[in-house]
Amino acid sequence: MKTTAKHNERIAVMTFASVFPHYVTKVIQKNRTETELLQVIEWLTGFNESKLQKLIEDKVTFKRFFQEAKLNPNAHLIKGVICGYRIEDIENQLTKQVRYLDKLVDELAKGKKMENILR
């Protein structure tokens, strides 16, 4: 499935703060911890817990969130399908980065070992 310009723009203006509680709920329901979630986010973005909290308080958009991130050099190894989109085929860089994050959260919730998630 290909992303559209409208889809990409919707993701760009969505706030990280609006999505983060859903990530927390998802992993906790699957017997993982918020600490593990924070570890996964830090691996991908370089944001420690205090920086992440500041971004949440500031209600930054995903566009700004990933502009400030120092993406892990191994992020390109994140592959597969998430939300109906094959990550490798996503052309819009921001949308791809958001789907990287979604995929890592999904892998954590599915019980994948942390050393495999953190490629």
N, C-alpha and C. Protein backbone atom coordinates (compact mmCIF):
# COMPACT_ATOMS: atom_id res chain seq x y z
N MET A 1 0.85 -1.17 0.00
CA MET A 1 0.00 0.00 0.00
C MET A 1 0.90 1.24 0.00
N LYS A 2 0.56 2.20 -0.82
CA LYS A 2 1.32 3.44 -0.91
C LYS A 2 0.69 4.50 -0.02
N THR A 3 1.55 5.31 0.61
CA THR A 3 1.02 6.43 1.40
C THR A 3 0.66 7.57 0.45
N THR A 4 -0.28 8.38 0.89
CA THR A 4 -0.69 9.55 0.10
C THR A 4 -0.13 10.81 0.77
N ALA A 5 -0.15 11.90 0.04
CA ALA A 5 0.31 13.17 0.60
C ALA A 5 -0.54 13.55 1.81
N LYS A 6 -1.83 13.29 1.73
CA LYS A 6 -2.74 13.61 2.84
C LYS A 6 -2.39 12.76 4.07
N HIS A 7 -2.12 11.49 3.86
CA HIS A 7 -1.73 10.59 4.94
C HIS A 7 -0.43 11.06 5.58
N ASN A 8 0.55 11.41 4.75
CA ASN A 8 1.84 11.87 5.26
C ASN A 8 1.70 13.16 6.06
N GLU A 9 0.87 14.08 5.59
CA GLU A 9 0.65 15.34 6.30
C GLU A 9 -0.06 15.10 7.63
N ARG A 10 -1.01 14.19 7.65
CA ARG A 10 -1.73 13.87 8.89
C ARG A 10 -0.75 13.36 9.94
N ILE A 11 0.18 12.51 9.53
CA ILE A 11 1.18 11.99 10.46
C ILE A 11 2.10 13.11 10.93
N ALA A 12 2.51 13.99 10.03
CA ALA A 12 3.44 15.07 10.37
C ALA A 12 2.90 16.00 11.45
N VAL A 13 1.60 16.28 11.42
CA VAL A 13 1.01 17.23 12.37
C VAL A 13 0.46 16.57 13.64
N MET A 14 0.43 15.25 13.68
CA MET A 14 -0.02 14.53 14.87
C MET A 14 1.01 14.74 15.98
N THR A 15 0.54 14.92 17.20
CA THR A 15 1.49 15.13 18.30
C THR A 15 1.93 13.80 18.89
N PHE A 16 3.20 13.76 19.27
CA PHE A 16 3.72 12.56 19.93
C PHE A 16 2.97 12.33 21.24
N ALA A 17 2.63 13.41 21.94
CA ALA A 17 1.92 13.30 23.22
C ALA A 17 0.57 12.60 23.08
N SER A 18 -0.06 12.73 21.92
CA SER A 18 -1.37 12.09 21.72
C SER A 18 -1.24 10.59 21.49
N VAL A 19 -0.08 10.15 21.04
CA VAL A 19 0.13 8.74 20.70
C VAL A 19 0.84 7.97 21.83
N PHE A 20 1.71 8.65 22.55
CA PHE A 20 2.51 7.99 23.58
C PHE A 20 1.67 7.18 24.58
N PRO A 21 0.55 7.73 25.11
CA PRO A 21 -0.24 6.92 26.07
C PRO A 21 -0.74 5.60 25.45
N HIS A 22 -0.99 5.60 24.16
CA HIS A 22 -1.43 4.38 23.49
C HIS A 22 -0.30 3.36 23.42
N TYR A 23 0.91 3.85 23.19
CA TYR A 23 2.08 2.97 23.21
C TYR A 23 2.22 2.32 24.60
N VAL A 24 2.10 3.15 25.64
CA VAL A 24 2.24 2.66 27.02
C VAL A 24 1.17 1.60 27.30
N THR A 25 -0.07 1.90 26.97
CA THR A 25 -1.17 0.96 27.21
C THR A 25 -0.92 -0.35 26.47
N LYS A 26 -0.51 -0.26 25.22
CA LYS A 26 -0.28 -1.45 24.40
C LYS A 26 0.77 -2.37 25.02
N VAL A 27 1.89 -1.81 25.43
CA VAL A 27 2.96 -2.67 25.96
C VAL A 27 2.62 -3.21 27.34
N ILE A 28 1.96 -2.41 28.16
CA ILE A 28 1.60 -2.88 29.51
C ILE A 28 0.56 -3.99 29.43
N GLN A 29 -0.40 -3.88 28.51
CA GLN A 29 -1.41 -4.93 28.35
C GLN A 29 -0.77 -6.25 27.93
N LYS A 30 0.41 -6.18 27.33
CA LYS A 30 1.10 -7.39 26.87
C LYS A 30 2.23 -7.78 27.81
N ASN A 31 2.13 -7.30 29.07
CA ASN A 31 3.08 -7.66 30.13
C ASN A 31 4.50 -7.19 29.87
N ARG A 32 4.65 -6.07 29.18
CA ARG A 32 5.95 -5.42 29.06
C ARG A 32 5.88 -4.16 29.92
N THR A 33 6.97 -3.46 30.07
CA THR A 33 6.99 -2.32 30.97
C THR A 33 7.19 -1.00 30.23
N GLU A 34 6.80 0.08 30.90
CA GLU A 34 7.04 1.41 30.34
C GLU A 34 8.54 1.66 30.23
N THR A 35 9.31 1.13 31.16
CA THR A 35 10.77 1.26 31.12
C THR A 35 11.32 0.64 29.84
N GLU A 36 10.80 -0.52 29.45
CA GLU A 36 11.24 -1.16 28.20
C GLU A 36 10.84 -0.30 27.00
N LEU A 37 9.65 0.27 27.06
CA LEU A 37 9.19 1.16 25.98
C LEU A 37 10.13 2.36 25.85
N LEU A 38 10.48 2.96 26.97
CA LEU A 38 11.38 4.11 26.95
C LEU A 38 12.75 3.72 26.39
N GLN A 39 13.20 2.51 26.71
CA GLN A 39 14.47 2.02 26.19
C GLN A 39 14.42 1.90 24.66
N VAL A 40 13.32 1.38 24.15
CA VAL A 40 13.14 1.22 22.71
C VAL A 40 13.11 2.60 22.02
N ILE A 41 12.38 3.54 22.61
CA ILE A 41 12.30 4.88 22.03
C ILE A 41 13.66 5.55 22.05
N GLU A 42 14.40 5.39 23.15
CA GLU A 42 15.73 5.99 23.23
C GLU A 42 16.67 5.37 22.21
N TRP A 43 16.57 4.06 22.01
CA TRP A 43 17.42 3.41 21.01
C TRP A 43 17.18 4.02 19.62
N LEU A 44 15.91 4.23 19.28
CA LEU A 44 15.58 4.74 17.95
C LEU A 44 15.92 6.22 17.80
N THR A 45 15.61 7.03 18.83
CA THR A 45 15.65 8.48 18.68
C THR A 45 16.81 9.17 19.39
N GLY A 46 17.39 8.51 20.39
CA GLY A 46 18.42 9.14 21.21
C GLY A 46 17.84 9.95 22.36
N PHE A 47 16.51 10.02 22.49
CA PHE A 47 15.89 10.81 23.55
C PHE A 47 15.88 10.03 24.86
N ASN A 48 16.48 10.62 25.92
CA ASN A 48 16.37 9.99 27.23
C ASN A 48 15.00 10.34 27.82
N GLU A 49 14.72 9.81 28.99
CA GLU A 49 13.40 9.97 29.58
C GLU A 49 13.05 11.44 29.83
N SER A 50 14.00 12.23 30.31
CA SER A 50 13.69 13.63 30.60
C SER A 50 13.43 14.43 29.31
N LYS A 51 14.19 14.17 28.26
CA LYS A 51 13.97 14.84 26.98
C LYS A 51 12.61 14.43 26.41
N LEU A 52 12.30 13.16 26.52
CA LEU A 52 11.02 12.65 26.03
C LEU A 52 9.87 13.33 26.77
N GLN A 53 10.00 13.46 28.07
CA GLN A 53 8.96 14.10 28.87
C GLN A 53 8.77 15.55 28.44
N LYS A 54 9.87 16.24 28.16
CA LYS A 54 9.79 17.64 27.70
C LYS A 54 9.06 17.73 26.35
N LEU A 55 9.37 16.81 25.46
CA LEU A 55 8.69 16.79 24.15
C LEU A 55 7.20 16.53 24.31
N ILE A 56 6.85 15.67 25.25
CA ILE A 56 5.44 15.39 25.53
C ILE A 56 4.77 16.64 26.10
N GLU A 57 5.41 17.28 27.07
CA GLU A 57 4.84 18.50 27.67
C GLU A 57 4.68 19.61 26.63
N ASP A 58 5.62 19.71 25.72
CA ASP A 58 5.56 20.73 24.67
C ASP A 58 4.60 20.38 23.54
N LYS A 59 4.04 19.17 23.60
CA LYS A 59 3.09 18.71 22.58
C LYS A 59 3.65 18.87 21.16
N VAL A 60 4.89 18.39 20.98
CA VAL A 60 5.52 18.50 19.67
C VAL A 60 4.86 17.57 18.67
N THR A 61 4.87 18.00 17.42
CA THR A 61 4.36 17.16 16.34
C THR A 61 5.39 16.07 16.04
N PHE A 62 4.95 15.04 15.33
CA PHE A 62 5.90 14.01 14.91
C PHE A 62 6.98 14.63 14.01
N LYS A 63 6.60 15.64 13.24
CA LYS A 63 7.59 16.29 12.38
C LYS A 63 8.73 16.86 13.23
N ARG A 64 8.39 17.61 14.24
CA ARG A 64 9.43 18.19 15.11
C ARG A 64 10.14 17.11 15.91
N PHE A 65 9.38 16.13 16.39
CA PHE A 65 9.94 15.03 17.17
C PHE A 65 11.10 14.39 16.42
N PHE A 66 10.88 14.05 15.15
CA PHE A 66 11.93 13.38 14.39
C PHE A 66 12.97 14.36 13.84
N GLN A 67 12.64 15.64 13.74
CA GLN A 67 13.66 16.62 13.38
C GLN A 67 14.71 16.72 14.49
N GLU A 68 14.26 16.59 15.73
CA GLU A 68 15.17 16.70 16.87
C GLU A 68 15.86 15.38 17.21
N ALA A 69 15.34 14.28 16.68
CA ALA A 69 15.89 12.96 17.00
C ALA A 69 17.23 12.73 16.30
N LYS A 70 18.05 11.91 16.94
CA LYS A 70 19.27 11.41 16.30
C LYS A 70 19.00 9.94 16.01
N LEU A 71 18.44 9.69 14.84
CA LEU A 71 18.00 8.35 14.49
C LEU A 71 19.14 7.35 14.57
N ASN A 72 18.86 6.22 15.18
CA ASN A 72 19.87 5.16 15.31
C ASN A 72 20.34 4.75 13.92
N PRO A 73 21.66 4.58 13.73
CA PRO A 73 22.17 4.19 12.42
C PRO A 73 21.65 2.84 11.93
N ASN A 74 21.15 2.01 12.84
CA ASN A 74 20.61 0.71 12.45
C ASN A 74 19.10 0.74 12.22
N ALA A 75 18.49 1.92 12.26
CA ALA A 75 17.04 2.02 12.07
C ALA A 75 16.61 1.43 10.73
N HIS A 76 17.47 1.54 9.72
CA HIS A 76 17.13 1.01 8.40
C HIS A 76 16.93 -0.51 8.40
N LEU A 77 17.36 -1.17 9.48
CA LEU A 77 17.18 -2.62 9.60
C LEU A 77 15.77 -3.00 10.05
N ILE A 78 14.98 -2.00 10.43
CA ILE A 78 13.59 -2.25 10.84
C ILE A 78 12.78 -2.48 9.57
N LYS A 79 12.24 -3.66 9.45
CA LYS A 79 11.52 -4.04 8.24
C LYS A 79 10.21 -4.72 8.61
N GLY A 80 9.36 -4.88 7.63
CA GLY A 80 8.11 -5.58 7.86
C GLY A 80 6.91 -4.70 7.60
N VAL A 81 5.75 -5.21 7.97
CA VAL A 81 4.49 -4.51 7.74
C VAL A 81 3.95 -3.99 9.05
N ILE A 82 3.54 -2.73 9.03
CA ILE A 82 2.89 -2.12 10.19
C ILE A 82 1.77 -1.22 9.69
N CYS A 83 0.61 -1.35 10.27
CA CYS A 83 -0.57 -0.56 9.88
C CYS A 83 -0.87 -0.70 8.39
N GLY A 84 -0.58 -1.86 7.82
CA GLY A 84 -0.88 -2.12 6.42
C GLY A 84 0.16 -1.61 5.44
N TYR A 85 1.24 -1.05 5.95
CA TYR A 85 2.29 -0.50 5.09
C TYR A 85 3.59 -1.28 5.28
N ARG A 86 4.23 -1.65 4.19
CA ARG A 86 5.55 -2.28 4.25
C ARG A 86 6.56 -1.16 4.44
N ILE A 87 7.25 -1.18 5.56
CA ILE A 87 8.15 -0.10 5.93
C ILE A 87 9.18 0.19 4.84
N GLU A 88 9.74 -0.85 4.27
CA GLU A 88 10.78 -0.68 3.26
C GLU A 88 10.29 0.08 2.03
N ASP A 89 8.98 0.07 1.78
CA ASP A 89 8.42 0.69 0.59
C ASP A 89 7.93 2.13 0.81
N ILE A 90 7.96 2.61 2.06
CA ILE A 90 7.48 3.95 2.35
C ILE A 90 8.52 4.96 1.85
N GLU A 91 8.08 5.87 1.00
CA GLU A 91 8.99 6.84 0.40
C GLU A 91 9.16 8.09 1.24
N ASN A 92 8.11 8.54 1.90
CA ASN A 92 8.19 9.74 2.73
C ASN A 92 9.01 9.44 3.98
N GLN A 93 10.10 10.17 4.18
CA GLN A 93 11.04 9.89 5.26
C GLN A 93 10.40 9.98 6.64
N LEU A 94 9.61 11.02 6.89
CA LEU A 94 8.97 11.17 8.20
C LEU A 94 7.99 10.03 8.47
N THR A 95 7.17 9.70 7.50
CA THR A 95 6.22 8.61 7.67
C THR A 95 6.97 7.31 7.95
N LYS A 96 8.08 7.10 7.28
CA LYS A 96 8.89 5.90 7.50
C LYS A 96 9.42 5.88 8.94
N GLN A 97 9.88 7.02 9.43
CA GLN A 97 10.42 7.09 10.79
C GLN A 97 9.33 6.81 11.84
N VAL A 98 8.15 7.36 11.62
CA VAL A 98 7.03 7.09 12.54
C VAL A 98 6.69 5.60 12.51
N ARG A 99 6.69 5.00 11.34
CA ARG A 99 6.40 3.57 11.23
C ARG A 99 7.51 2.72 11.84
N TYR A 100 8.75 3.20 11.81
CA TYR A 100 9.82 2.51 12.54
C TYR A 100 9.44 2.42 14.02
N LEU A 101 9.02 3.55 14.57
CA LEU A 101 8.65 3.59 15.98
C LEU A 101 7.46 2.67 16.24
N ASP A 102 6.45 2.74 15.40
CA ASP A 102 5.28 1.87 15.55
C ASP A 102 5.69 0.40 15.53
N LYS A 103 6.58 0.04 14.63
CA LYS A 103 7.02 -1.35 14.49
C LYS A 103 7.77 -1.81 15.72
N LEU A 104 8.64 -0.95 16.28
CA LEU A 104 9.36 -1.33 17.49
C LEU A 104 8.42 -1.53 18.67
N VAL A 105 7.44 -0.65 18.80
CA VAL A 105 6.44 -0.79 19.87
C VAL A 105 5.67 -2.10 19.68
N ASP A 106 5.30 -2.39 18.44
CA ASP A 106 4.58 -3.62 18.13
C ASP A 106 5.42 -4.85 18.48
N GLU A 107 6.68 -4.84 18.13
CA GLU A 107 7.57 -5.97 18.44
C GLU A 107 7.70 -6.15 19.95
N LEU A 108 7.80 -5.05 20.68
CA LEU A 108 7.88 -5.11 22.14
C LEU A 108 6.61 -5.74 22.70
N ALA A 109 5.47 -5.27 22.23
CA ALA A 109 4.18 -5.78 22.71
C ALA A 109 3.98 -7.26 22.35
N LYS A 110 4.58 -7.70 21.26
CA LYS A 110 4.43 -9.10 20.85
C LYS A 110 5.39 -10.03 21.58
N GLY A 111 6.20 -9.46 22.48
CA GLY A 111 7.07 -10.30 23.30
C GLY A 111 8.43 -10.60 22.71
N LYS A 112 8.78 -9.91 21.66
CA LYS A 112 10.09 -10.12 21.05
C LYS A 112 11.19 -9.76 22.05
N LYS A 113 12.29 -10.48 22.03
CA LYS A 113 13.39 -10.22 22.95
C LYS A 113 13.99 -8.85 22.67
N MET A 114 14.35 -8.16 23.75
CA MET A 114 14.88 -6.80 23.64
C MET A 114 16.12 -6.75 22.75
N GLU A 115 17.01 -7.72 22.86
CA GLU A 115 18.22 -7.70 22.03
C GLU A 115 17.90 -7.84 20.54
N ASN A 116 16.76 -8.42 20.21
CA ASN A 116 16.35 -8.51 18.80
C ASN A 116 15.65 -7.24 18.33
N ILE A 117 14.95 -6.58 19.26
CA ILE A 117 14.29 -5.32 18.93
C ILE A 117 15.34 -4.24 18.67
N LEU A 118 16.33 -4.20 19.55
CA LEU A 118 17.39 -3.19 19.45
C LEU A 118 18.49 -3.72 18.55
N ARG A 119 18.22 -3.73 17.30
CA ARG A 119 19.06 -4.34 16.28
C ARG A 119 20.49 -3.96 16.40
